[in-house]
């Protein structure tokens, strides 16, 4: 694709998803996680109602500066599974962070 061609939204989102990997947390929902770089880890946290996509340009910059950037979609947001039972959402957050 030449620099003059514009990517459509679907292509941009599919490319972002492909850079991540599935993070399965036993007993809870699955999510996606993105890591880039090596060195001391910088954990990037997105807000609500956003997603890890917010950090798509930050992760390469962290890597270029000798750091490992890590971001994941919070349960129910971005590429993570949607919970049917909101009571378990807090537990899912805790289990997800422990898994990192």
PDB file of N, CA and C in Angstrom:
ATOM      1  N   UNK A   1       0.854  -1.169   0.000  1.00  0.00           N
ATOM      2  CA  UNK A   1       0.000   0.000   0.000  1.00  0.00           C
ATOM      3  C   UNK A   1       0.900   1.232   0.000  1.00  0.00           C
ATOM      4  N   UNK A   2       0.682   2.118  -0.935  1.00  0.00           N
ATOM      5  CA  UNK A   2       1.494   3.335  -0.999  1.00  0.00           C
ATOM      6  C   UNK A   2       1.107   4.281   0.126  1.00  0.00           C
ATOM      7  N   UNK A   3       2.008   5.211   0.403  1.00  0.00           N
ATOM      8  CA  UNK A   3       1.734   6.158   1.485  1.00  0.00           C
ATOM      9  C   UNK A   3       0.542   7.052   1.171  1.00  0.00           C
ATOM     10  N   UNK A   4       0.173   7.126  -0.116  1.00  0.00           N
ATOM     11  CA  UNK A   4      -0.963   7.970  -0.505  1.00  0.00           C
ATOM     12  C   UNK A   4      -2.301   7.260  -0.327  1.00  0.00           C
ATOM     13  N   UNK A   5      -2.260   5.921  -0.284  1.00  0.00           N
ATOM     14  CA  UNK A   5      -3.501   5.173  -0.105  1.00  0.00           C
ATOM     15  C   UNK A   5      -3.920   5.220   1.358  1.00  0.00           C
ATOM     16  N   UNK A   6      -5.193   5.407   1.579  1.00  0.00           N
ATOM     17  CA  UNK A   6      -5.700   5.441   2.946  1.00  0.00           C
ATOM     18  C   UNK A   6      -6.245   4.071   3.312  1.00  0.00           C
ATOM     19  N   UNK A   7      -5.966   3.647   4.522  1.00  0.00           N
ATOM     20  CA  UNK A   7      -6.514   2.389   5.019  1.00  0.00           C
ATOM     21  C   UNK A   7      -7.911   2.660   5.561  1.00  0.00           C
ATOM     22  N   UNK A   8      -8.783   1.679   5.389  1.00  0.00           N
ATOM     23  CA  UNK A   8     -10.114   1.851   5.968  1.00  0.00           C
ATOM     24  C   UNK A   8     -10.091   1.428   7.435  1.00  0.00           C
ATOM     25  N   UNK A   9     -11.112   1.772   8.147  1.00  0.00           N
ATOM     26  CA  UNK A   9     -11.179   1.518   9.583  1.00  0.00           C
ATOM     27  C   UNK A   9     -11.032   0.042   9.904  1.00  0.00           C
ATOM     28  N   UNK A  10     -11.686  -0.806   9.151  1.00  0.00           N
ATOM     29  CA  UNK A  10     -11.621  -2.248   9.403  1.00  0.00           C
ATOM     30  C   UNK A  10     -10.188  -2.756   9.298  1.00  0.00           C
ATOM     31  N   UNK A  11      -9.457  -2.323   8.278  1.00  0.00           N
ATOM     32  CA  UNK A  11      -8.072  -2.753   8.095  1.00  0.00           C
ATOM     33  C   UNK A  11      -7.203  -2.306   9.264  1.00  0.00           C
ATOM     34  N   UNK A  12      -7.368  -1.084   9.691  1.00  0.00           N
ATOM     35  CA  UNK A  12      -6.585  -0.546  10.808  1.00  0.00           C
ATOM     36  C   UNK A  12      -6.843  -1.360  12.075  1.00  0.00           C
ATOM     37  N   UNK A  13      -8.094  -1.656  12.359  1.00  0.00           N
ATOM     38  CA  UNK A  13      -8.446  -2.411  13.564  1.00  0.00           C
ATOM     39  C   UNK A  13      -7.951  -3.851  13.470  1.00  0.00           C
ATOM     40  N   UNK A  14      -8.070  -4.476  12.300  1.00  0.00           N
ATOM     41  CA  UNK A  14      -7.584  -5.847  12.128  1.00  0.00           C
ATOM     42  C   UNK A  14      -6.070  -5.918  12.312  1.00  0.00           C
ATOM     43  N   UNK A  15      -5.351  -4.939  11.795  1.00  0.00           N
ATOM     44  CA  UNK A  15      -3.895  -4.913  11.955  1.00  0.00           C
ATOM     45  C   UNK A  15      -3.519  -4.756  13.426  1.00  0.00           C
ATOM     46  N   UNK A  16      -4.233  -3.907  14.143  1.00  0.00           N
ATOM     47  CA  UNK A  16      -3.964  -3.722  15.569  1.00  0.00           C
ATOM     48  C   UNK A  16      -4.224  -5.024  16.331  1.00  0.00           C
ATOM     49  N   UNK A  17      -5.340  -5.665  16.070  1.00  0.00           N
ATOM     50  CA  UNK A  17      -5.675  -6.913  16.751  1.00  0.00           C
ATOM     51  C   UNK A  17      -4.612  -7.981  16.497  1.00  0.00           C
ATOM     52  N   UNK A  18      -4.127  -8.070  15.265  1.00  0.00           N
ATOM     53  CA  UNK A  18      -3.132  -9.081  14.898  1.00  0.00           C
ATOM     54  C   UNK A  18      -1.806  -8.892  15.631  1.00  0.00           C
ATOM     55  N   UNK A  19      -1.504  -7.691  16.053  1.00  0.00           N
ATOM     56  CA  UNK A  19      -0.258  -7.433  16.783  1.00  0.00           C
ATOM     57  C   UNK A  19      -0.330  -7.938  18.222  1.00  0.00           C
ATOM     58  N   UNK A  20      -1.540  -8.150  18.722  1.00  0.00           N
ATOM     59  CA  UNK A  20      -1.713  -8.599  20.101  1.00  0.00           C
ATOM     60  C   UNK A  20      -1.799 -10.106  20.189  1.00  0.00           C
ATOM     61  N   UNK A  21      -1.953 -10.590  21.408  1.00  0.00           N
ATOM     62  CA  UNK A  21      -2.147 -12.018  21.609  1.00  0.00           C
ATOM     63  C   UNK A  21      -3.249 -12.225  22.636  1.00  0.00           C
ATOM     64  N   UNK A  22      -3.879 -13.384  22.541  1.00  0.00           N
ATOM     65  CA  UNK A  22      -4.972 -13.721  23.450  1.00  0.00           C
ATOM     66  C   UNK A  22      -4.418 -13.970  24.847  1.00  0.00           C
ATOM     67  N   UNK A  23      -5.073 -13.451  25.846  1.00  0.00           N
ATOM     68  CA  UNK A  23      -4.720 -13.700  27.238  1.00  0.00           C
ATOM     69  C   UNK A  23      -5.919 -14.375  27.879  1.00  0.00           C
ATOM     70  N   UNK A  24      -5.788 -15.680  28.108  1.00  0.00           N
ATOM     71  CA  UNK A  24      -6.874 -16.427  28.743  1.00  0.00           C
ATOM     72  C   UNK A  24      -6.628 -16.484  30.236  1.00  0.00           C
ATOM     73  N   UNK A  25      -7.621 -16.096  30.983  1.00  0.00           N
ATOM     74  CA  UNK A  25      -7.549 -16.122  32.440  1.00  0.00           C
ATOM     75  C   UNK A  25      -8.541 -17.176  32.913  1.00  0.00           C
ATOM     76  N   UNK A  26      -8.045 -18.290  33.479  1.00  0.00           N
ATOM     77  CA  UNK A  26      -8.957 -19.359  33.909  1.00  0.00           C
ATOM     78  C   UNK A  26     -10.054 -18.838  34.840  1.00  0.00           C
ATOM     79  N   UNK A  27     -11.266 -19.268  34.574  1.00  0.00           N
ATOM     80  CA  UNK A  27     -12.395 -18.897  35.416  1.00  0.00           C
ATOM     81  C   UNK A  27     -12.992 -17.539  35.112  1.00  0.00           C
ATOM     82  N   UNK A  28     -12.533 -16.902  34.045  1.00  0.00           N
ATOM     83  CA  UNK A  28     -13.044 -15.575  33.714  1.00  0.00           C
ATOM     84  C   UNK A  28     -13.031 -15.393  32.200  1.00  0.00           C
ATOM     85  N   UNK A  29     -13.231 -14.188  31.742  1.00  0.00           N
ATOM     86  CA  UNK A  29     -13.269 -13.913  30.312  1.00  0.00           C
ATOM     87  C   UNK A  29     -11.860 -13.765  29.751  1.00  0.00           C
ATOM     88  N   UNK A  30     -11.747 -13.854  28.432  1.00  0.00           N
ATOM     89  CA  UNK A  30     -10.447 -13.670  27.785  1.00  0.00           C
ATOM     90  C   UNK A  30     -10.325 -12.230  27.294  1.00  0.00           C
ATOM     91  N   UNK A  31      -9.099 -11.830  27.042  1.00  0.00           N
ATOM     92  CA  UNK A  31      -8.832 -10.483  26.549  1.00  0.00           C
ATOM     93  C   UNK A  31      -7.632 -10.541  25.615  1.00  0.00           C
ATOM     94  N   UNK A  32      -7.225  -9.413  25.096  1.00  0.00           N
ATOM     95  CA  UNK A  32      -6.015  -9.336  24.266  1.00  0.00           C
ATOM     96  C   UNK A  32      -5.006  -8.458  24.975  1.00  0.00           C
ATOM     97  N   UNK A  33      -3.730  -8.779  24.743  1.00  0.00           N
ATOM     98  CA  UNK A  33      -2.633  -8.031  25.339  1.00  0.00           C
ATOM     99  C   UNK A  33      -1.614  -7.712  24.250  1.00  0.00           C
ATOM    100  N   UNK A  34      -1.017  -6.557  24.358  1.00  0.00           N
ATOM    101  CA  UNK A  34       0.011  -6.124  23.412  1.00  0.00           C
ATOM    102  C   UNK A  34       1.267  -5.808  24.202  1.00  0.00           C
ATOM    103  N   UNK A  35       2.412  -6.281  23.693  1.00  0.00           N
ATOM    104  CA  UNK A  35       3.715  -5.995  24.299  1.00  0.00           C
ATOM    105  C   UNK A  35       4.657  -5.585  23.184  1.00  0.00           C
ATOM    106  N   UNK A  36       5.477  -4.598  23.479  1.00  0.00           N
ATOM    107  CA  UNK A  36       6.465  -4.185  22.486  1.00  0.00           C
ATOM    108  C   UNK A  36       7.699  -3.668  23.205  1.00  0.00           C
ATOM    109  N   UNK A  37       8.868  -4.129  22.756  1.00  0.00           N
ATOM    110  CA  UNK A  37      10.128  -3.673  23.313  1.00  0.00           C
ATOM    111  C   UNK A  37      10.661  -4.588  24.402  1.00  0.00           C
ATOM    112  N   UNK A  38      11.852  -4.238  24.877  1.00  0.00           N
ATOM    113  CA  UNK A  38      12.501  -4.951  25.975  1.00  0.00           C
ATOM    114  C   UNK A  38      13.033  -3.916  26.952  1.00  0.00           C
ATOM    115  N   UNK A  39      13.305  -4.352  28.147  1.00  0.00           N
ATOM    116  CA  UNK A  39      13.793  -3.429  29.163  1.00  0.00           C
ATOM    117  C   UNK A  39      12.771  -3.281  30.264  1.00  0.00           C
ATOM    118  N   UNK A  40      12.911  -2.256  31.094  1.00  0.00           N
ATOM    119  CA  UNK A  40      11.937  -2.030  32.166  1.00  0.00           C
ATOM    120  C   UNK A  40      10.525  -1.899  31.587  1.00  0.00           C
ATOM    121  N   UNK A  41       9.567  -2.469  32.275  1.00  0.00           N
ATOM    122  CA  UNK A  41       8.188  -2.503  31.781  1.00  0.00           C
ATOM    123  C   UNK A  41       7.407  -1.260  32.181  1.00  0.00           C
ATOM    124  N   UNK A  42       6.698  -0.718  31.204  1.00  0.00           N
ATOM    125  CA  UNK A  42       5.761   0.382  31.434  1.00  0.00           C
ATOM    126  C   UNK A  42       4.370  -0.176  31.152  1.00  0.00           C
ATOM    127  N   UNK A  43       3.534  -0.234  32.171  1.00  0.00           N
ATOM    128  CA  UNK A  43       2.175  -0.747  32.030  1.00  0.00           C
ATOM    129  C   UNK A  43       1.249   0.417  31.712  1.00  0.00           C
ATOM    130  N   UNK A  44       0.640   0.366  30.550  1.00  0.00           N
ATOM    131  CA  UNK A  44      -0.258   1.436  30.092  1.00  0.00           C
ATOM    132  C   UNK A  44      -1.700   1.034  30.407  1.00  0.00           C
ATOM    133  N   UNK A  45      -2.426   1.900  31.049  1.00  0.00           N
ATOM    134  CA  UNK A  45      -3.808   1.620  31.446  1.00  0.00           C
ATOM    135  C   UNK A  45      -4.759   2.561  30.723  1.00  0.00           C
ATOM    136  N   UNK A  46      -5.701   1.987  30.007  1.00  0.00           N
ATOM    137  CA  UNK A  46      -6.683   2.834  29.333  1.00  0.00           C
ATOM    138  C   UNK A  46      -7.859   3.106  30.255  1.00  0.00           C
ATOM    139  N   UNK A  47      -8.628   4.101  29.925  1.00  0.00           N
ATOM    140  CA  UNK A  47      -9.798   4.450  30.721  1.00  0.00           C
ATOM    141  C   UNK A  47     -11.047   3.770  30.203  1.00  0.00           C
ATOM    142  N   UNK A  48     -12.169   4.201  30.715  1.00  0.00           N
ATOM    143  CA  UNK A  48     -13.460   3.657  30.309  1.00  0.00           C
ATOM    144  C   UNK A  48     -14.241   4.800  29.681  1.00  0.00           C
ATOM    145  N   UNK A  49     -14.754   4.685  28.511  1.00  0.00           N
ATOM    146  CA  UNK A  49     -14.975   3.501  27.712  1.00  0.00           C
ATOM    147  C   UNK A  49     -14.006   3.371  26.538  1.00  0.00           C
ATOM    148  N   UNK A  50     -12.724   3.430  26.750  1.00  0.00           N
ATOM    149  CA  UNK A  50     -11.751   3.298  25.662  1.00  0.00           C
ATOM    150  C   UNK A  50     -11.183   1.886  25.632  1.00  0.00           C
ATOM    151  N   UNK A  51     -10.073   1.697  24.908  1.00  0.00           N
ATOM    152  CA  UNK A  51      -9.449   0.381  24.805  1.00  0.00           C
ATOM    153  C   UNK A  51      -7.938   0.541  24.671  1.00  0.00           C
ATOM    154  N   UNK A  52      -7.247  -0.584  24.572  1.00  0.00           N
ATOM    155  CA  UNK A  52      -5.793  -0.586  24.422  1.00  0.00           C
ATOM    156  C   UNK A  52      -5.360   0.105  23.132  1.00  0.00           C
ATOM    157  N   UNK A  53      -6.250   0.195  22.173  1.00  0.00           N
ATOM    158  CA  UNK A  53      -5.961   0.850  20.893  1.00  0.00           C
ATOM    159  C   UNK A  53      -5.451   2.274  21.105  1.00  0.00           C
ATOM    160  N   UNK A  54      -5.835   2.867  22.198  1.00  0.00           N
ATOM    161  CA  UNK A  54      -5.403   4.212  22.551  1.00  0.00           C
ATOM    162  C   UNK A  54      -3.875   4.327  22.570  1.00  0.00           C
ATOM    163  N   UNK A  55      -3.186   3.217  22.858  1.00  0.00           N
ATOM    164  CA  UNK A  55      -1.724   3.218  23.005  1.00  0.00           C
ATOM    165  C   UNK A  55      -0.976   2.689  21.781  1.00  0.00           C
ATOM    166  N   UNK A  56      -1.642   2.561  20.654  1.00  0.00           N
ATOM    167  CA  UNK A  56      -1.019   1.979  19.469  1.00  0.00           C
ATOM    168  C   UNK A  56       0.219   2.735  18.997  1.00  0.00           C
ATOM    169  N   UNK A  57       0.287   4.031  19.227  1.00  0.00           N
ATOM    170  CA  UNK A  57       1.456   4.811  18.811  1.00  0.00           C
ATOM    171  C   UNK A  57       2.455   4.993  19.954  1.00  0.00           C
ATOM    172  N   UNK A  58       2.018   4.750  21.167  1.00  0.00           N
ATOM    173  CA  UNK A  58       2.883   4.896  22.340  1.00  0.00           C
ATOM    174  C   UNK A  58       3.815   3.693  22.491  1.00  0.00           C
ATOM    175  N   UNK A  59       3.306   2.469  22.271  1.00  0.00           N
ATOM    176  CA  UNK A  59       4.122   1.269  22.456  1.00  0.00           C
ATOM    177  C   UNK A  59       5.403   1.296  21.628  1.00  0.00           C
ATOM    178  N   UNK A  60       5.360   1.653  20.334  1.00  0.00           N
ATOM    179  CA  UNK A  60       6.611   1.714  19.568  1.00  0.00           C
ATOM    180  C   UNK A  60       7.586   2.760  20.110  1.00  0.00           C
ATOM    181  N   UNK A  61       7.065   3.856  20.601  1.00  0.00           N
ATOM    182  CA  UNK A  61       7.935   4.901  21.164  1.00  0.00           C
ATOM    183  C   UNK A  61       8.617   4.415  22.439  1.00  0.00           C
ATOM    184  N   UNK A  62       7.879   3.693  23.271  1.00  0.00           N
ATOM    185  CA  UNK A  62       8.480   3.120  24.471  1.00  0.00           C
ATOM    186  C   UNK A  62       9.590   2.146  24.082  1.00  0.00           C
ATOM    187  N   UNK A  63       9.305   1.292  23.092  1.00  0.00           N
ATOM    188  CA  UNK A  63      10.301   0.321  22.626  1.00  0.00           C
ATOM    189  C   UNK A  63      11.539   1.023  22.070  1.00  0.00           C
ATOM    190  N   UNK A  64      11.343   2.092  21.325  1.00  0.00           N
ATOM    191  CA  UNK A  64      12.472   2.844  20.757  1.00  0.00           C
ATOM    192  C   UNK A  64      13.336   3.490  21.832  1.00  0.00           C
ATOM    193  N   UNK A  65      12.791   3.604  23.030  1.00  0.00           N
ATOM    194  CA  UNK A  65      13.521   4.219  24.139  1.00  0.00           C
ATOM    195  C   UNK A  65      13.977   3.194  25.177  1.00  0.00           C
ATOM    196  N   UNK A  66      14.084   1.927  24.753  1.00  0.00           N
ATOM    197  CA  UNK A  66      14.626   0.887  25.618  1.00  0.00           C
ATOM    198  C   UNK A  66      13.695   0.383  26.701  1.00  0.00           C
ATOM    199  N   UNK A  67      12.399   0.519  26.484  1.00  0.00           N
ATOM    200  CA  UNK A  67      11.407   0.077  27.461  1.00  0.00           C
ATOM    201  C   UNK A  67      10.497  -0.979  26.847  1.00  0.00           C
ATOM    202  N   UNK A  68       9.831  -1.734  27.696  1.00  0.00           N
ATOM    203  CA  UNK A  68       8.799  -2.662  27.235  1.00  0.00           C
ATOM    204  C   UNK A  68       7.449  -2.043  27.564  1.00  0.00           C
ATOM    205  N   UNK A  69       6.668  -1.754  26.541  1.00  0.00           N
ATOM    206  CA  UNK A  69       5.319  -1.237  26.739  1.00  0.00           C
ATOM    207  C   UNK A  69       4.328  -2.384  26.758  1.00  0.00           C
ATOM    208  N   UNK A  70       3.432  -2.384  27.723  1.00  0.00           N
ATOM    209  CA  UNK A  70       2.417  -3.434  27.856  1.00  0.00           C
ATOM    210  C   UNK A  70       1.062  -2.777  28.054  1.00  0.00           C
ATOM    211  N   UNK A  71       0.071  -3.245  27.308  1.00  0.00           N
ATOM    212  CA  UNK A  71      -1.299  -2.763  27.470  1.00  0.00           C
ATOM    213  C   UNK A  71      -2.252  -3.918  27.168  1.00  0.00           C
ATOM    214  N   UNK A  72      -3.368  -3.963  27.873  1.00  0.00           N
ATOM    215  CA  UNK A  72      -4.389  -4.975  27.584  1.00  0.00           C
ATOM    216  C   UNK A  72      -5.756  -4.312  27.613  1.00  0.00           C
ATOM    217  N   UNK A  73      -6.683  -4.923  26.911  1.00  0.00           N
ATOM    218  CA  UNK A  73      -8.059  -4.434  26.958  1.00  0.00           C
ATOM    219  C   UNK A  73      -8.681  -4.879  28.273  1.00  0.00           C
ATOM    220  N   UNK A  74      -9.278  -3.937  28.981  1.00  0.00           N
ATOM    221  CA  UNK A  74      -9.985  -4.282  30.211  1.00  0.00           C
ATOM    222  C   UNK A  74     -11.202  -5.141  29.859  1.00  0.00           C
ATOM    223  N   UNK A  75     -11.638  -5.991  30.792  1.00  0.00           N
ATOM    224  CA  UNK A  75     -12.819  -6.822  30.541  1.00  0.00           C
ATOM    225  C   UNK A  75     -14.014  -5.981  30.081  1.00  0.00           C
ATOM    226  N   UNK A  76     -14.633  -6.449  29.011  1.00  0.00           N
ATOM    227  CA  UNK A  76     -15.812  -5.771  28.479  1.00  0.00           C
ATOM    228  C   UNK A  76     -15.515  -4.645  27.510  1.00  0.00           C
ATOM    229  N   UNK A  77     -14.240  -4.359  27.259  1.00  0.00           N
ATOM    230  CA  UNK A  77     -13.861  -3.263  26.363  1.00  0.00           C
ATOM    231  C   UNK A  77     -12.920  -3.768  25.275  1.00  0.00           C
ATOM    232  N   UNK A  78     -12.857  -3.053  24.165  1.00  0.00           N
ATOM    233  CA  UNK A  78     -11.947  -3.424  23.078  1.00  0.00           C
ATOM    234  C   UNK A  78     -12.209  -4.829  22.566  1.00  0.00           C
ATOM    235  N   UNK A  79     -11.138  -5.642  22.508  1.00  0.00           N
ATOM    236  CA  UNK A  79     -11.243  -7.007  22.001  1.00  0.00           C
ATOM    237  C   UNK A  79     -11.512  -8.041  23.094  1.00  0.00           C
ATOM    238  N   UNK A  80     -11.799  -7.607  24.309  1.00  0.00           N
ATOM    239  CA  UNK A  80     -12.066  -8.571  25.382  1.00  0.00           C
ATOM    240  C   UNK A  80     -13.509  -9.060  25.303  1.00  0.00           C
ATOM    241  N   UNK A  81     -13.728 -10.211  25.937  1.00  0.00           N
ATOM    242  CA  UNK A  81     -15.088 -10.752  25.984  1.00  0.00           C
ATOM    243  C   UNK A  81     -15.986  -9.853  26.816  1.00  0.00           C
ATOM    244  N   UNK A  82     -17.231  -9.785  26.436  1.00  0.00           N
ATOM    245  CA  UNK A  82     -18.223  -9.028  27.200  1.00  0.00           C
ATOM    246  C   UNK A  82     -18.804  -9.931  28.271  1.00  0.00           C
ATOM    247  N   UNK A  83     -18.909  -9.425  29.462  1.00  0.00           N
ATOM    248  CA  UNK A  83     -19.481 -10.193  30.562  1.00  0.00           C
ATOM    249  C   UNK A  83     -20.999 -10.059  30.568  1.00  0.00           C
ATOM    250  N   UNK A  84     -21.666 -11.162  30.812  1.00  0.00           N
ATOM    251  CA  UNK A  84     -23.120 -11.127  30.964  1.00  0.00           C
ATOM    252  C   UNK A  84     -23.488 -10.795  32.402  1.00  0.00           C
ATOM    253  N   UNK A  85     -22.595 -11.123  33.318  1.00  0.00           N
ATOM    254  CA  UNK A  85     -22.840 -10.906  34.739  1.00  0.00           C
ATOM    255  C   UNK A  85     -21.896  -9.815  35.241  1.00  0.00           C
ATOM    256  N   UNK A  86     -22.400  -8.617  35.435  1.00  0.00           N
ATOM    257  CA  UNK A  86     -21.557  -7.496  35.849  1.00  0.00           C
ATOM    258  C   UNK A  86     -20.991  -7.665  37.255  1.00  0.00           C
ATOM    259  N   UNK A  87     -21.582  -8.520  38.057  1.00  0.00           N
ATOM    260  CA  UNK A  87     -21.081  -8.748  39.415  1.00  0.00           C
ATOM    261  C   UNK A  87     -19.672  -9.325  39.376  1.00  0.00           C
ATOM    262  N   UNK A  88     -19.360 -10.117  38.363  1.00  0.00           N
ATOM    263  CA  UNK A  88     -18.037 -10.746  38.279  1.00  0.00           C
ATOM    264  C   UNK A  88     -16.997  -9.852  37.610  1.00  0.00           C
ATOM    265  N   UNK A  89     -17.379  -8.688  37.140  1.00  0.00           N
ATOM    266  CA  UNK A  89     -16.453  -7.831  36.410  1.00  0.00           C
ATOM    267  C   UNK A  89     -15.238  -7.441  37.254  1.00  0.00           C
ATOM    268  N   UNK A  90     -15.440  -7.058  38.503  1.00  0.00           N
ATOM    269  CA  UNK A  90     -14.325  -6.696  39.382  1.00  0.00           C
ATOM    270  C   UNK A  90     -13.369  -7.851  39.595  1.00  0.00           C
ATOM    271  N   UNK A  91     -13.918  -9.034  39.773  1.00  0.00           N
ATOM    272  CA  UNK A  91     -13.089 -10.230  39.935  1.00  0.00           C
ATOM    273  C   UNK A  91     -12.274 -10.487  38.677  1.00  0.00           C
ATOM    274  N   UNK A  92     -12.887 -10.286  37.517  1.00  0.00           N
ATOM    275  CA  UNK A  92     -12.189 -10.489  36.251  1.00  0.00           C
ATOM    276  C   UNK A  92     -11.003  -9.541  36.115  1.00  0.00           C
ATOM    277  N   UNK A  93     -11.175  -8.299  36.518  1.00  0.00           N
ATOM    278  CA  UNK A  93     -10.064  -7.346  36.483  1.00  0.00           C
ATOM    279  C   UNK A  93      -8.911  -7.853  37.347  1.00  0.00           C
ATOM    280  N   UNK A  94      -9.213  -8.277  38.558  1.00  0.00           N
ATOM    281  CA  UNK A  94      -8.172  -8.750  39.469  1.00  0.00           C
ATOM    282  C   UNK A  94      -7.445  -9.961  38.909  1.00  0.00           C
ATOM    283  N   UNK A  95      -8.168 -10.932  38.400  1.00  0.00           N
ATOM    284  CA  UNK A  95      -7.542 -12.132  37.850  1.00  0.00           C
ATOM    285  C   UNK A  95      -6.695 -11.807  36.628  1.00  0.00           C
ATOM    286  N   UNK A  96      -7.165 -10.893  35.804  1.00  0.00           N
ATOM    287  CA  UNK A  96      -6.410 -10.497  34.616  1.00  0.00           C
ATOM    288  C   UNK A  96      -5.079  -9.868  34.967  1.00  0.00           C
ATOM    289  N   UNK A  97      -5.070  -8.965  35.927  1.00  0.00           N
ATOM    290  CA  UNK A  97      -3.822  -8.297  36.308  1.00  0.00           C
ATOM    291  C   UNK A  97      -2.866  -9.261  36.983  1.00  0.00           C
ATOM    292  N   UNK A  98      -3.370 -10.201  37.755  1.00  0.00           N
ATOM    293  CA  UNK A  98      -2.490 -11.196  38.382  1.00  0.00           C
ATOM    294  C   UNK A  98      -1.808 -12.059  37.335  1.00  0.00           C
ATOM    295  N   UNK A  99      -2.503 -12.294  36.238  1.00  0.00           N
ATOM    296  CA  UNK A  99      -1.979 -13.153  35.171  1.00  0.00           C
ATOM    297  C   UNK A  99      -0.791 -12.510  34.457  1.00  0.00           C
ATOM    298  N   UNK A 100      -0.734 -11.187  34.442  1.00  0.00           N
ATOM    299  CA  UNK A 100       0.375 -10.492  33.784  1.00  0.00           C
ATOM    300  C   UNK A 100       1.656 -10.782  34.520  1.00  0.00           C
TER     301      UNK A 100
END
